[in-house]
N, C-alpha and C. Protein backbone atom coordinates (compact mmCIF):
# COMPACT_ATOMS: atom_id res chain seq x y z
N MET A 1 190.24 -187.86 -39.16
CA MET A 1 189.69 -187.34 -40.35
C MET A 1 188.62 -186.00 -40.30
N SER A 2 188.91 -185.40 -41.01
CA SER A 2 187.59 -184.26 -41.11
C SER A 2 186.70 -184.79 -42.01
N ALA A 3 185.48 -184.04 -41.77
CA ALA A 3 184.46 -184.12 -42.49
C ALA A 3 184.61 -184.06 -44.26
N GLU A 4 185.69 -183.47 -44.47
CA GLU A 4 185.80 -183.32 -45.94
C GLU A 4 186.62 -184.24 -46.43
N THR A 5 186.89 -185.65 -45.61
CA THR A 5 187.80 -186.44 -46.24
C THR A 5 186.78 -187.95 -45.87
N GLN A 6 185.43 -187.65 -45.52
CA GLN A 6 184.44 -189.05 -45.30
C GLN A 6 183.48 -188.90 -46.67
N GLY A 7 183.73 -188.28 -47.46
CA GLY A 7 182.91 -188.43 -49.22
C GLY A 7 181.48 -188.09 -48.75
N LEU A 8 180.87 -188.62 -49.47
CA LEU A 8 179.20 -188.37 -49.56
C LEU A 8 178.59 -189.70 -48.68
N ARG A 9 178.08 -189.25 -47.46
CA ARG A 9 177.47 -190.26 -46.56
C ARG A 9 175.97 -189.99 -46.80
N ILE A 10 175.26 -191.33 -46.76
CA ILE A 10 173.85 -191.08 -47.02
C ILE A 10 172.99 -192.10 -46.17
N GLN A 11 172.21 -191.57 -45.61
CA GLN A 11 171.06 -192.25 -44.39
C GLN A 11 170.24 -192.99 -45.17
N HIS A 12 170.31 -194.27 -44.96
CA HIS A 12 169.28 -195.11 -46.10
C HIS A 12 168.86 -196.50 -44.97
N ARG A 13 167.40 -196.47 -45.16
CA ARG A 13 166.80 -197.45 -44.31
C ARG A 13 167.00 -197.31 -42.99
N GLY A 14 167.29 -196.27 -42.63
CA GLY A 14 167.46 -195.88 -41.06
C GLY A 14 168.77 -196.09 -40.39
N HIS A 15 169.78 -196.26 -41.23
CA HIS A 15 171.20 -196.56 -40.84
C HIS A 15 172.25 -195.58 -41.62
N GLU A 16 172.97 -195.04 -40.40
CA GLU A 16 173.86 -193.98 -40.89
C GLU A 16 175.40 -194.82 -41.27
N PRO A 17 175.94 -194.70 -42.60
CA PRO A 17 177.61 -195.03 -42.52
C PRO A 17 178.56 -194.47 -41.33
N GLN A 18 178.95 -195.42 -40.76
CA GLN A 18 180.29 -195.07 -39.74
C GLN A 18 181.70 -195.55 -40.07
N VAL A 19 182.69 -194.48 -39.76
CA VAL A 19 183.90 -194.67 -40.15
C VAL A 19 184.58 -194.26 -39.31
N HIS A 20 185.56 -195.02 -38.92
CA HIS A 20 186.63 -195.13 -37.82
C HIS A 20 187.52 -193.71 -37.83
N PRO A 21 187.88 -193.16 -37.03
CA PRO A 21 188.37 -192.00 -37.11
C PRO A 21 189.78 -191.98 -37.53
N THR A 22 190.34 -193.38 -37.70
CA THR A 22 191.81 -193.34 -38.41
C THR A 22 191.56 -193.70 -39.58
N ALA A 23 190.50 -193.92 -40.26
CA ALA A 23 190.53 -194.25 -41.45
C ALA A 23 190.17 -193.12 -42.61
N TYR A 24 190.37 -193.34 -43.99
CA TYR A 24 190.21 -192.37 -44.75
C TYR A 24 189.23 -192.74 -45.80
N VAL A 25 188.38 -191.46 -46.11
CA VAL A 25 187.11 -191.91 -47.18
C VAL A 25 187.55 -190.76 -48.20
N ALA A 26 187.77 -191.17 -49.64
CA ALA A 26 188.14 -189.81 -50.36
C ALA A 26 186.97 -189.32 -50.68
N PRO A 27 186.76 -187.86 -51.00
CA PRO A 27 185.81 -186.78 -50.96
C PRO A 27 184.95 -187.45 -51.99
N THR A 28 185.02 -188.21 -52.79
CA THR A 28 184.03 -188.37 -54.02
C THR A 28 183.88 -190.03 -53.70
N ALA A 29 183.98 -190.62 -52.77
CA ALA A 29 183.56 -192.07 -52.62
C ALA A 29 182.02 -191.75 -52.06
N THR A 30 181.35 -192.66 -52.02
CA THR A 30 179.86 -192.65 -51.65
C THR A 30 179.58 -193.85 -50.64
N LEU A 31 178.97 -193.59 -49.45
CA LEU A 31 178.70 -194.81 -48.50
C LEU A 31 177.52 -194.57 -48.12
N VAL A 32 176.49 -195.89 -48.30
CA VAL A 32 175.29 -195.81 -48.17
C VAL A 32 174.72 -196.55 -47.13
N GLY A 33 173.93 -196.08 -46.28
CA GLY A 33 173.15 -196.79 -45.41
C GLY A 33 174.43 -197.69 -44.42
N ASP A 34 173.97 -199.10 -43.63
CA ASP A 34 174.63 -199.54 -42.88
C ASP A 34 176.20 -200.28 -43.41
N VAL A 35 177.10 -198.98 -43.55
CA VAL A 35 178.56 -198.98 -44.05
C VAL A 35 179.26 -198.78 -42.50
N ARG A 36 179.98 -199.98 -42.31
CA ARG A 36 181.13 -199.44 -41.31
C ARG A 36 182.26 -199.71 -41.99
N VAL A 37 183.58 -198.78 -41.81
CA VAL A 37 184.69 -198.75 -42.54
C VAL A 37 185.84 -198.87 -41.01
N GLY A 38 186.40 -199.82 -40.78
CA GLY A 38 187.10 -199.85 -40.00
C GLY A 38 188.58 -198.96 -39.71
N PRO A 39 189.11 -199.24 -38.54
CA PRO A 39 190.71 -198.55 -38.11
C PRO A 39 191.43 -198.92 -39.51
N ARG A 40 191.88 -197.48 -40.15
CA ARG A 40 193.06 -197.23 -41.18
C ARG A 40 193.11 -197.91 -42.17
N ALA A 41 191.40 -197.89 -42.40
CA ALA A 41 190.70 -198.50 -43.78
C ALA A 41 191.17 -197.31 -44.84
N ARG A 42 191.08 -197.81 -45.96
CA ARG A 42 191.34 -196.43 -47.50
C ARG A 42 190.10 -196.60 -48.32
N VAL A 43 189.18 -195.76 -48.41
CA VAL A 43 188.01 -196.04 -49.33
C VAL A 43 188.43 -194.92 -50.63
N MET A 44 188.84 -195.22 -51.53
CA MET A 44 189.36 -194.30 -52.69
C MET A 44 188.61 -193.72 -53.29
N PHE A 45 188.83 -192.57 -54.12
CA PHE A 45 187.98 -191.88 -55.16
C PHE A 45 187.34 -192.82 -55.89
N GLY A 46 185.67 -192.26 -55.92
CA GLY A 46 184.64 -192.99 -56.92
C GLY A 46 184.25 -194.02 -56.38
N ALA A 47 184.57 -194.75 -55.29
CA ALA A 47 183.94 -196.04 -54.86
C ALA A 47 182.55 -195.87 -54.44
N VAL A 48 181.83 -196.93 -54.33
CA VAL A 48 180.65 -196.91 -53.82
C VAL A 48 180.37 -198.03 -53.29
N LEU A 49 179.92 -197.77 -51.73
CA LEU A 49 179.86 -198.88 -50.79
C LEU A 49 178.03 -198.72 -50.83
N ASP A 50 177.22 -199.28 -51.01
CA ASP A 50 175.83 -199.60 -51.00
C ASP A 50 175.23 -200.63 -50.28
N ALA A 51 174.64 -200.38 -48.83
CA ALA A 51 174.12 -201.50 -48.11
C ALA A 51 172.43 -201.45 -48.34
N GLU A 52 172.14 -202.14 -49.01
CA GLU A 52 170.77 -202.42 -49.53
C GLU A 52 170.01 -203.16 -48.57
N GLY A 53 170.00 -202.89 -47.26
CA GLY A 53 169.34 -203.95 -46.36
C GLY A 53 170.23 -204.60 -45.90
N ALA A 54 171.37 -205.00 -45.81
CA ALA A 54 172.54 -205.86 -45.78
C ALA A 54 173.92 -205.11 -45.49
N ARG A 55 174.44 -205.28 -44.11
CA ARG A 55 175.86 -204.13 -44.00
C ARG A 55 176.65 -204.70 -44.96
N ILE A 56 177.58 -203.61 -44.70
CA ILE A 56 179.18 -203.78 -45.67
C ILE A 56 179.98 -203.41 -44.27
N GLU A 57 180.88 -204.20 -44.24
CA GLU A 57 182.02 -203.96 -43.16
C GLU A 57 183.40 -204.40 -44.01
N VAL A 58 184.48 -203.22 -43.72
CA VAL A 58 185.24 -203.38 -44.55
C VAL A 58 186.35 -202.96 -43.17
N GLY A 59 187.63 -203.96 -43.20
CA GLY A 59 188.09 -204.64 -41.96
C GLY A 59 189.28 -203.61 -41.78
N GLU A 60 190.07 -203.79 -40.63
CA GLU A 60 191.15 -203.29 -40.71
C GLU A 60 192.44 -202.65 -41.55
N ALA A 61 192.85 -201.77 -41.85
CA ALA A 61 194.03 -201.34 -42.85
C ALA A 61 193.76 -202.21 -44.34
N ALA A 62 192.21 -202.36 -44.72
CA ALA A 62 191.60 -202.94 -46.01
C ALA A 62 191.86 -201.48 -46.98
N VAL A 63 192.06 -201.70 -48.25
CA VAL A 63 192.10 -200.86 -49.20
C VAL A 63 191.04 -201.37 -50.46
N ILE A 64 189.97 -200.32 -50.40
CA ILE A 64 189.02 -200.33 -51.44
C ILE A 64 189.75 -199.25 -52.50
N CYS A 65 189.84 -199.78 -53.66
CA CYS A 65 190.22 -198.86 -54.54
C CYS A 65 189.33 -197.80 -55.57
N GLU A 66 189.81 -197.03 -56.58
CA GLU A 66 188.97 -196.20 -57.34
C GLU A 66 188.27 -196.81 -57.90
N ASN A 67 186.90 -196.37 -57.61
CA ASN A 67 185.50 -196.74 -58.33
C ASN A 67 185.09 -198.31 -58.67
N ALA A 68 185.79 -198.62 -57.16
CA ALA A 68 185.04 -200.28 -56.84
C ALA A 68 183.52 -200.17 -56.36
N VAL A 69 183.17 -201.50 -56.60
CA VAL A 69 181.49 -201.43 -56.12
C VAL A 69 181.30 -202.25 -54.80
N LEU A 70 180.72 -201.78 -53.61
CA LEU A 70 180.84 -203.23 -52.87
C LEU A 70 179.24 -202.59 -52.59
N ARG A 71 178.38 -203.91 -52.55
CA ARG A 71 176.63 -203.74 -52.47
C ARG A 71 176.24 -205.10 -51.50
N GLY A 72 176.05 -204.72 -50.71
CA GLY A 72 175.01 -205.44 -49.79
C GLY A 72 173.47 -205.53 -49.92
N SER A 73 172.86 -207.02 -50.09
CA SER A 73 171.34 -206.66 -50.08
C SER A 73 170.35 -208.05 -49.53
N ALA A 74 169.12 -207.74 -49.35
CA ALA A 74 168.53 -208.57 -48.62
C ALA A 74 167.38 -209.18 -49.56
N VAL A 75 167.24 -208.79 -50.74
CA VAL A 75 166.27 -209.62 -51.86
C VAL A 75 166.47 -210.94 -51.59
N ALA A 76 167.36 -211.71 -51.61
CA ALA A 76 167.39 -213.23 -51.40
C ALA A 76 168.00 -213.70 -50.30
N GLY A 77 167.73 -213.11 -49.13
CA GLY A 77 168.29 -213.60 -48.03
C GLY A 77 169.14 -212.33 -47.45
N ASP A 78 169.70 -212.74 -46.25
CA ASP A 78 170.92 -211.51 -45.76
C ASP A 78 172.10 -211.62 -46.48
N GLN A 79 172.40 -210.96 -47.32
CA GLN A 79 174.12 -211.09 -47.91
C GLN A 79 174.95 -209.56 -47.97
N PRO A 80 175.36 -209.83 -46.79
CA PRO A 80 176.64 -208.48 -46.33
C PRO A 80 177.48 -208.61 -47.27
N VAL A 81 178.38 -207.48 -47.26
CA VAL A 81 179.60 -207.84 -48.03
C VAL A 81 180.50 -207.46 -46.76
N LEU A 82 181.51 -208.29 -46.30
CA LEU A 82 182.46 -208.43 -45.14
C LEU A 82 183.83 -208.43 -45.81
N VAL A 83 184.30 -207.70 -45.62
CA VAL A 83 185.78 -207.33 -46.12
C VAL A 83 186.78 -207.33 -44.91
N GLY A 84 187.94 -208.47 -44.87
CA GLY A 84 188.79 -208.74 -43.84
C GLY A 84 189.73 -207.80 -43.93
N ASP A 85 190.30 -207.71 -42.43
CA ASP A 85 191.77 -206.91 -42.53
C ASP A 85 192.80 -207.27 -43.47
N HIS A 86 193.09 -206.16 -44.19
CA HIS A 86 194.33 -205.96 -45.03
C HIS A 86 194.35 -206.79 -46.55
N VAL A 87 192.58 -206.43 -46.93
CA VAL A 87 192.25 -206.78 -48.21
C VAL A 87 192.88 -205.50 -48.93
N PHE A 88 192.65 -205.76 -50.16
CA PHE A 88 193.07 -205.01 -51.41
C PHE A 88 192.16 -205.30 -52.48
N ASP A 89 191.22 -204.37 -52.53
CA ASP A 89 190.02 -204.69 -53.45
C ASP A 89 190.48 -203.59 -54.63
N GLY A 90 190.90 -203.88 -55.46
CA GLY A 90 191.28 -203.27 -56.48
C GLY A 90 190.47 -202.17 -57.59
N PRO A 91 190.84 -201.38 -59.00
CA PRO A 91 190.04 -200.35 -59.00
C PRO A 91 188.88 -201.25 -59.85
N HIS A 92 187.95 -200.97 -60.09
CA HIS A 92 186.56 -201.16 -60.74
C HIS A 92 186.25 -202.40 -60.33
N ALA A 93 186.74 -202.96 -59.26
CA ALA A 93 186.52 -204.37 -58.93
C ALA A 93 185.02 -204.42 -58.08
N THR A 94 184.48 -205.30 -58.36
CA THR A 94 182.82 -205.26 -57.80
C THR A 94 182.84 -206.39 -56.61
N LEU A 95 182.32 -206.17 -55.72
CA LEU A 95 181.98 -207.19 -54.80
C LEU A 95 180.46 -207.08 -54.10
N LEU A 96 179.55 -208.28 -54.42
CA LEU A 96 178.51 -208.37 -53.91
C LEU A 96 177.66 -209.32 -53.30
N GLY A 97 177.56 -209.02 -52.16
CA GLY A 97 176.95 -209.90 -51.13
C GLY A 97 177.63 -211.28 -50.86
N CYS A 98 179.02 -210.93 -50.71
CA CYS A 98 179.84 -211.53 -50.48
C CYS A 98 180.80 -211.45 -49.39
N GLU A 99 181.88 -212.56 -48.88
CA GLU A 99 182.75 -212.58 -47.90
C GLU A 99 184.10 -212.60 -48.40
N VAL A 100 184.90 -211.91 -47.96
CA VAL A 100 186.24 -211.54 -48.26
C VAL A 100 187.18 -211.62 -47.09
N GLY A 101 187.99 -212.79 -47.06
CA GLY A 101 188.71 -213.08 -46.07
C GLY A 101 189.76 -212.24 -45.63
N ARG A 102 190.33 -212.21 -44.66
CA ARG A 102 191.51 -211.59 -44.61
C ARG A 102 193.07 -211.63 -45.23
N CYS A 103 193.81 -210.67 -45.65
CA CYS A 103 194.80 -210.66 -46.87
C CYS A 103 194.49 -210.80 -47.98
N VAL A 104 193.05 -210.95 -48.58
CA VAL A 104 192.94 -211.32 -50.20
C VAL A 104 193.48 -210.04 -51.02
N TYR A 105 193.42 -210.62 -52.17
CA TYR A 105 193.69 -209.54 -53.20
C TYR A 105 192.91 -209.80 -53.81
N VAL A 106 192.15 -208.75 -54.33
CA VAL A 106 190.94 -208.38 -55.41
C VAL A 106 191.46 -207.52 -56.84
N ALA A 107 192.02 -208.19 -57.89
CA ALA A 107 192.66 -207.45 -58.66
C ALA A 107 191.65 -206.06 -59.51
N SER A 108 192.38 -205.10 -60.20
CA SER A 108 191.49 -204.57 -61.15
C SER A 108 190.45 -205.10 -61.78
N GLY A 109 189.25 -204.95 -61.93
CA GLY A 109 188.07 -205.43 -62.72
C GLY A 109 187.48 -206.85 -62.49
N ALA A 110 188.13 -207.31 -61.50
CA ALA A 110 187.53 -208.48 -60.65
C ALA A 110 186.26 -207.97 -60.30
N THR A 111 185.38 -209.35 -60.32
CA THR A 111 184.02 -209.37 -59.88
C THR A 111 183.68 -210.65 -58.85
N VAL A 112 183.24 -210.62 -57.76
CA VAL A 112 182.59 -211.55 -56.82
C VAL A 112 181.51 -211.47 -56.48
N LEU A 113 180.73 -212.17 -56.82
CA LEU A 113 179.21 -212.74 -56.68
C LEU A 113 178.42 -213.17 -55.53
N GLN A 114 176.93 -213.07 -55.54
CA GLN A 114 176.39 -213.17 -54.05
C GLN A 114 176.54 -214.75 -53.62
N CYS A 115 177.01 -214.44 -52.21
CA CYS A 115 176.91 -216.01 -51.59
C CYS A 115 178.43 -216.68 -51.68
N ALA A 116 179.20 -216.03 -52.60
CA ALA A 116 180.74 -216.55 -53.00
C ALA A 116 181.81 -216.06 -51.36
N ARG A 117 182.76 -216.91 -51.08
CA ARG A 117 183.50 -216.72 -50.27
C ARG A 117 184.84 -216.74 -50.68
N LEU A 118 185.75 -216.08 -50.34
CA LEU A 118 187.30 -215.96 -50.85
C LEU A 118 188.23 -216.15 -49.70
N GLY A 119 188.42 -217.01 -49.46
CA GLY A 119 189.51 -217.75 -48.36
C GLY A 119 190.40 -216.96 -48.09
N ALA A 120 191.39 -216.93 -47.03
CA ALA A 120 192.05 -215.94 -46.48
C ALA A 120 193.53 -216.09 -47.56
N GLY A 121 194.11 -214.83 -48.10
CA GLY A 121 195.05 -215.04 -48.79
C GLY A 121 195.25 -215.29 -50.05
N SER A 122 194.03 -215.58 -50.60
CA SER A 122 193.49 -215.79 -52.25
C SER A 122 193.69 -214.69 -53.22
N VAL A 123 193.67 -214.88 -54.17
CA VAL A 123 193.64 -213.88 -55.33
C VAL A 123 192.85 -213.94 -56.54
N VAL A 124 192.29 -212.61 -56.66
CA VAL A 124 191.20 -213.02 -58.00
C VAL A 124 191.75 -212.04 -58.71
N ALA A 125 192.60 -212.18 -60.21
CA ALA A 125 193.37 -211.82 -60.73
C ALA A 125 192.41 -210.68 -61.72
N VAL A 126 193.53 -210.08 -62.41
CA VAL A 126 192.75 -208.91 -62.94
C VAL A 126 191.65 -209.26 -64.14
N GLY A 127 190.30 -208.82 -63.93
CA GLY A 127 189.24 -209.40 -64.77
C GLY A 127 188.49 -210.71 -64.66
N ALA A 128 188.87 -211.45 -63.49
CA ALA A 128 188.73 -212.67 -63.17
C ALA A 128 186.71 -212.72 -62.44
N LEU A 129 186.48 -213.71 -62.70
CA LEU A 129 184.77 -213.98 -61.99
C LEU A 129 184.73 -214.71 -60.83
N VAL A 130 184.22 -214.42 -59.71
CA VAL A 130 184.21 -215.64 -58.71
C VAL A 130 182.57 -215.50 -59.23
N HIS A 131 181.79 -216.70 -59.32
CA HIS A 131 180.68 -216.63 -59.51
C HIS A 131 179.57 -216.76 -58.04
N ALA A 132 178.44 -216.83 -58.18
CA ALA A 132 177.48 -216.97 -56.78
C ALA A 132 177.80 -218.41 -56.35
N ARG A 133 178.00 -218.30 -54.84
CA ARG A 133 178.16 -219.30 -54.14
C ARG A 133 179.30 -220.05 -54.00
N ALA A 134 180.11 -219.67 -54.78
CA ALA A 134 181.27 -220.33 -55.35
C ALA A 134 182.51 -220.31 -54.08
N VAL A 135 183.20 -221.17 -53.59
CA VAL A 135 183.80 -221.10 -52.15
C VAL A 135 185.84 -220.96 -52.78
N VAL A 136 186.38 -220.34 -52.91
CA VAL A 136 187.54 -220.25 -52.89
C VAL A 136 188.67 -220.40 -51.64
N PRO A 137 189.26 -221.31 -51.75
CA PRO A 137 190.20 -221.96 -50.54
C PRO A 137 191.13 -220.63 -50.40
N ASP A 138 191.57 -221.00 -48.99
CA ASP A 138 192.90 -220.38 -48.53
C ASP A 138 193.97 -220.22 -49.67
N GLU A 139 194.64 -218.71 -49.88
CA GLU A 139 195.88 -218.93 -50.42
C GLU A 139 195.64 -219.54 -52.25
N TYR A 140 194.40 -219.20 -52.82
CA TYR A 140 193.96 -219.85 -54.14
C TYR A 140 194.29 -219.01 -54.90
N PHE A 141 194.72 -219.11 -55.85
CA PHE A 141 195.04 -218.45 -57.51
C PHE A 141 194.08 -218.35 -58.05
N VAL A 142 192.98 -217.47 -58.48
CA VAL A 142 191.77 -217.49 -59.75
C VAL A 142 192.69 -216.58 -60.85
N PRO A 143 193.01 -217.31 -61.83
CA PRO A 143 193.82 -216.45 -62.89
C PRO A 143 193.06 -215.38 -63.63
N PRO A 144 193.85 -214.28 -64.67
CA PRO A 144 192.85 -213.67 -64.79
C PRO A 144 192.14 -214.01 -66.25
N HIS A 145 191.10 -213.18 -65.88
CA HIS A 145 189.97 -213.36 -66.95
C HIS A 145 189.19 -214.89 -67.23
N THR A 146 189.28 -215.70 -65.79
CA THR A 146 188.78 -216.86 -65.70
C THR A 146 187.91 -216.74 -65.22
N VAL A 147 186.69 -217.93 -64.70
CA VAL A 147 185.39 -217.79 -64.15
C VAL A 147 185.55 -218.77 -63.12
N ALA A 148 185.53 -218.52 -61.68
CA ALA A 148 185.67 -219.85 -60.86
C ALA A 148 184.23 -219.83 -60.30
N LEU A 149 183.91 -221.20 -60.08
CA LEU A 149 182.82 -221.92 -59.56
C LEU A 149 182.56 -222.88 -59.25
N ASP A 150 181.52 -223.14 -58.02
CA ASP A 150 181.40 -224.10 -57.05
C ASP A 150 181.90 -224.23 -55.75
N ALA A 151 181.65 -225.48 -55.15
CA ALA A 151 182.50 -225.45 -54.08
C ALA A 151 182.55 -227.16 -54.17
N PRO A 152 183.55 -228.02 -54.13
CA PRO A 152 184.96 -227.15 -54.34
C PRO A 152 185.06 -226.57 -55.70
N VAL A 153 185.83 -225.56 -55.57
CA VAL A 153 186.10 -224.55 -56.85
C VAL A 153 186.73 -225.21 -57.96
N ARG A 154 186.46 -224.66 -58.91
CA ARG A 154 187.06 -225.44 -60.41
C ARG A 154 186.88 -223.98 -60.99
N LEU A 155 187.82 -224.28 -61.99
CA LEU A 155 187.94 -222.88 -63.38
C LEU A 155 187.43 -223.27 -64.65
N LEU A 156 186.80 -222.28 -65.04
CA LEU A 156 186.55 -222.25 -66.66
C LEU A 156 187.29 -220.39 -67.32
N ALA A 157 187.87 -221.13 -68.51
CA ALA A 157 188.27 -220.40 -69.89
C ALA A 157 186.86 -219.24 -70.08
N PRO A 158 186.75 -218.17 -70.61
CA PRO A 158 185.79 -217.86 -71.10
C PRO A 158 185.03 -218.23 -72.21
N GLY A 159 186.19 -219.00 -73.15
CA GLY A 159 185.66 -219.89 -74.30
C GLY A 159 185.30 -221.10 -74.07
N ASP A 160 185.25 -221.75 -72.66
CA ASP A 160 184.95 -222.90 -72.74
C ASP A 160 183.69 -223.65 -73.19
N PRO A 161 183.59 -224.17 -74.17
CA PRO A 161 181.96 -224.70 -74.59
C PRO A 161 181.11 -225.05 -73.51
N GLY A 162 181.71 -225.60 -72.26
CA GLY A 162 181.00 -226.00 -71.32
C GLY A 162 180.16 -224.68 -70.18
N LEU A 163 180.84 -223.43 -70.58
CA LEU A 163 180.73 -222.42 -69.72
C LEU A 163 179.32 -221.97 -69.21
N ALA A 164 178.46 -221.72 -70.55
CA ALA A 164 177.15 -221.58 -70.39
C ALA A 164 176.10 -222.80 -69.45
N GLU A 165 176.01 -223.95 -69.66
CA GLU A 165 175.70 -224.80 -68.94
C GLU A 165 176.36 -224.50 -67.57
N ALA A 166 177.54 -224.49 -67.14
CA ALA A 166 177.92 -224.49 -65.78
C ALA A 166 177.55 -223.58 -64.77
N ILE A 167 177.51 -222.07 -65.53
CA ILE A 167 176.64 -221.07 -64.81
C ILE A 167 175.15 -221.29 -64.79
N GLY A 168 174.81 -221.78 -65.71
CA GLY A 168 173.18 -221.99 -65.53
C GLY A 168 172.91 -222.94 -64.51
N ARG A 169 173.49 -223.78 -63.94
CA ARG A 169 173.45 -224.74 -62.76
C ARG A 169 173.77 -223.84 -61.76
N VAL A 170 174.33 -223.03 -61.79
CA VAL A 170 174.56 -222.18 -60.40
C VAL A 170 173.63 -221.79 -59.78
N GLY A 171 172.59 -221.26 -60.61
CA GLY A 171 171.29 -220.56 -60.16
C GLY A 171 171.39 -219.44 -59.64
N PHE A 172 172.02 -218.37 -60.38
CA PHE A 172 172.60 -216.93 -60.20
C PHE A 172 171.34 -216.40 -59.78
N ALA A 173 170.16 -216.45 -60.47
CA ALA A 173 169.02 -215.64 -60.45
C ALA A 173 168.35 -215.70 -59.02
N GLN A 174 168.29 -216.95 -58.50
CA GLN A 174 167.82 -217.14 -56.97
C GLN A 174 168.65 -216.89 -56.04
N ALA A 175 170.13 -217.12 -56.49
CA ALA A 175 171.16 -216.52 -55.27
C ALA A 175 171.04 -214.94 -55.06
N ALA A 176 171.10 -214.42 -56.19
CA ALA A 176 171.16 -212.88 -56.36
C ALA A 176 170.07 -212.36 -56.14
N PHE A 177 168.63 -212.63 -56.74
CA PHE A 177 167.66 -211.94 -56.49
C PHE A 177 166.38 -212.88 -55.89
N GLY A 178 166.37 -213.98 -55.79
CA GLY A 178 165.28 -214.87 -55.13
C GLY A 178 163.99 -215.22 -56.60
N VAL A 179 164.82 -215.15 -57.64
CA VAL A 179 163.78 -215.03 -58.83
C VAL A 179 164.20 -216.69 -59.30
N ASP A 180 163.01 -217.26 -59.60
CA ASP A 180 163.17 -218.94 -59.93
C ASP A 180 162.96 -219.27 -61.23
N ALA A 181 162.86 -218.08 -62.50
CA ALA A 181 162.69 -218.31 -63.49
C ALA A 181 164.01 -219.63 -64.19
N GLU A 182 163.75 -220.23 -65.42
CA GLU A 182 164.69 -220.81 -65.47
C GLU A 182 165.64 -220.28 -66.36
N TRP A 183 166.75 -220.87 -66.27
CA TRP A 183 168.02 -220.32 -67.02
C TRP A 183 167.32 -220.15 -68.54
N THR A 184 166.82 -220.92 -69.13
CA THR A 184 166.75 -220.74 -70.75
C THR A 184 165.64 -219.57 -70.99
N ASP A 185 164.67 -219.21 -69.88
CA ASP A 185 163.50 -218.07 -70.19
C ASP A 185 164.22 -216.82 -69.78
N ARG A 186 164.71 -216.35 -70.68
CA ARG A 186 165.61 -215.13 -70.27
C ARG A 186 164.64 -213.84 -70.48
N ILE A 187 163.64 -213.68 -71.08
CA ILE A 187 163.08 -212.49 -71.02
C ILE A 187 161.90 -212.66 -69.85
N SER A 188 161.62 -213.46 -69.22
CA SER A 188 160.81 -213.90 -68.07
C SER A 188 161.77 -213.37 -66.71
N ARG A 189 163.12 -214.21 -66.78
CA ARG A 189 164.26 -214.02 -65.89
C ARG A 189 164.58 -212.44 -65.76
N TYR A 190 164.60 -212.00 -66.94
CA TYR A 190 165.15 -210.69 -66.69
C TYR A 190 164.35 -209.61 -66.48
N GLU A 191 163.33 -209.73 -66.65
CA GLU A 191 161.93 -209.00 -66.60
C GLU A 191 161.45 -208.97 -64.66
N GLN A 192 161.98 -210.27 -64.21
CA GLN A 192 161.91 -210.18 -63.07
C GLN A 192 163.01 -209.88 -62.33
N ILE A 193 163.76 -209.86 -62.78
CA ILE A 193 164.79 -209.10 -62.06
C ILE A 193 165.12 -207.91 -61.94
N ALA A 194 164.73 -206.87 -62.77
CA ALA A 194 164.46 -205.84 -63.27
C ALA A 194 163.38 -205.48 -61.64
N GLU A 195 162.18 -206.16 -62.14
CA GLU A 195 161.21 -205.47 -60.87
C GLU A 195 161.90 -205.97 -59.42
N VAL A 196 162.68 -206.93 -59.35
CA VAL A 196 163.29 -206.91 -57.65
C VAL A 196 164.28 -205.42 -57.46
N ARG A 197 164.93 -205.28 -58.72
CA ARG A 197 165.87 -204.20 -58.28
C ARG A 197 164.66 -203.06 -58.22
N VAL A 198 164.03 -202.67 -59.06
CA VAL A 198 163.21 -201.55 -59.13
C VAL A 198 162.39 -201.25 -57.61
N ALA A 199 161.80 -202.40 -56.83
CA ALA A 199 161.63 -202.38 -55.47
C ALA A 199 162.66 -201.83 -54.74
N GLU A 200 163.36 -202.78 -54.75
CA GLU A 200 164.57 -202.35 -53.97
C GLU A 200 165.41 -201.06 -53.86
N PHE A 201 165.73 -200.65 -55.21
CA PHE A 201 166.09 -199.24 -55.40
C PHE A 201 165.16 -198.14 -55.17
N GLY A 202 163.96 -198.32 -55.07
CA GLY A 202 162.85 -197.32 -54.87
C GLY A 202 163.00 -196.67 -53.73
N THR A 203 163.39 -197.66 -52.31
CA THR A 203 163.47 -197.03 -51.00
C THR A 203 164.70 -196.22 -50.92
N HIS A 204 165.16 -195.91 -51.87
CA HIS A 204 166.17 -194.42 -52.04
C HIS A 204 165.54 -193.13 -51.91
N ALA A 205 164.16 -192.74 -51.89
CA ALA A 205 163.21 -192.06 -52.28
C ALA A 205 163.57 -191.53 -50.60
N ASN A 206 163.56 -192.36 -49.83
CA ASN A 206 163.43 -191.58 -48.38
C ASN A 206 165.13 -191.29 -48.10
N ASP A 207 165.92 -191.57 -48.81
CA ASP A 207 167.37 -191.24 -48.23
C ASP A 207 167.64 -189.74 -47.63
N GLU A 208 168.77 -189.45 -46.78
CA GLU A 208 168.82 -188.31 -46.24
C GLU A 208 170.54 -188.03 -46.51
N VAL A 209 171.27 -187.12 -47.03
CA VAL A 209 172.50 -186.93 -47.32
C VAL A 209 173.07 -186.17 -46.10
N LEU A 210 173.91 -186.92 -45.66
CA LEU A 210 174.04 -185.88 -44.21
C LEU A 210 175.59 -185.47 -44.28
N ASP A 211 176.42 -185.44 -44.93
CA ASP A 211 177.05 -184.72 -45.57
C ASP A 211 177.87 -185.10 -46.92
N PHE A 212 178.50 -183.55 -47.30
CA PHE A 212 179.57 -184.23 -48.83
C PHE A 212 180.52 -182.99 -48.65
N GLY A 213 182.04 -183.97 -48.84
CA GLY A 213 183.18 -183.18 -48.46
C GLY A 213 183.52 -182.62 -49.99
């Protein structure tokens, strides 16, 4: 592939994105830092693959669709985004510090949070959320607009009266940001989260743009 089909590549934290010669990265996609795009993978228009101190790996013949966001992080431990072979990651889907097994289908607008694992052949349907630390078994179906929690996994609907309490027990702030504020202490919780991200994203001041197609 020519430089014109490798999108915007940015050196970050001393790492440069690596794209296999048989992969396609759209001109308006953005690859930041330790990103590795495998053979015959496709990263489409507007997608952002941002390795914030933890790597992102996209497997063979995996498809990252338009405006998807993949972010690896190290603020709460090493949390790479590992995308297996033949994965389909739909438009506007978000993968944060998670592991996606081979032949997984992540539909449009779905979100998979930190330390979650999707087993081979599983499906996360339109608008669904796989919460932090959840483990989705092989070939499991997460229905549209539901929330998958815990290991073994369980499903809750958006209007379930127990949803807020169940999410509170997940420990999301600790899993994602290393923040220990109580679930009910919203002001302190989100102030600390913002400070973590301010420090993490501040490292971009030293980035170097490698090329732009």
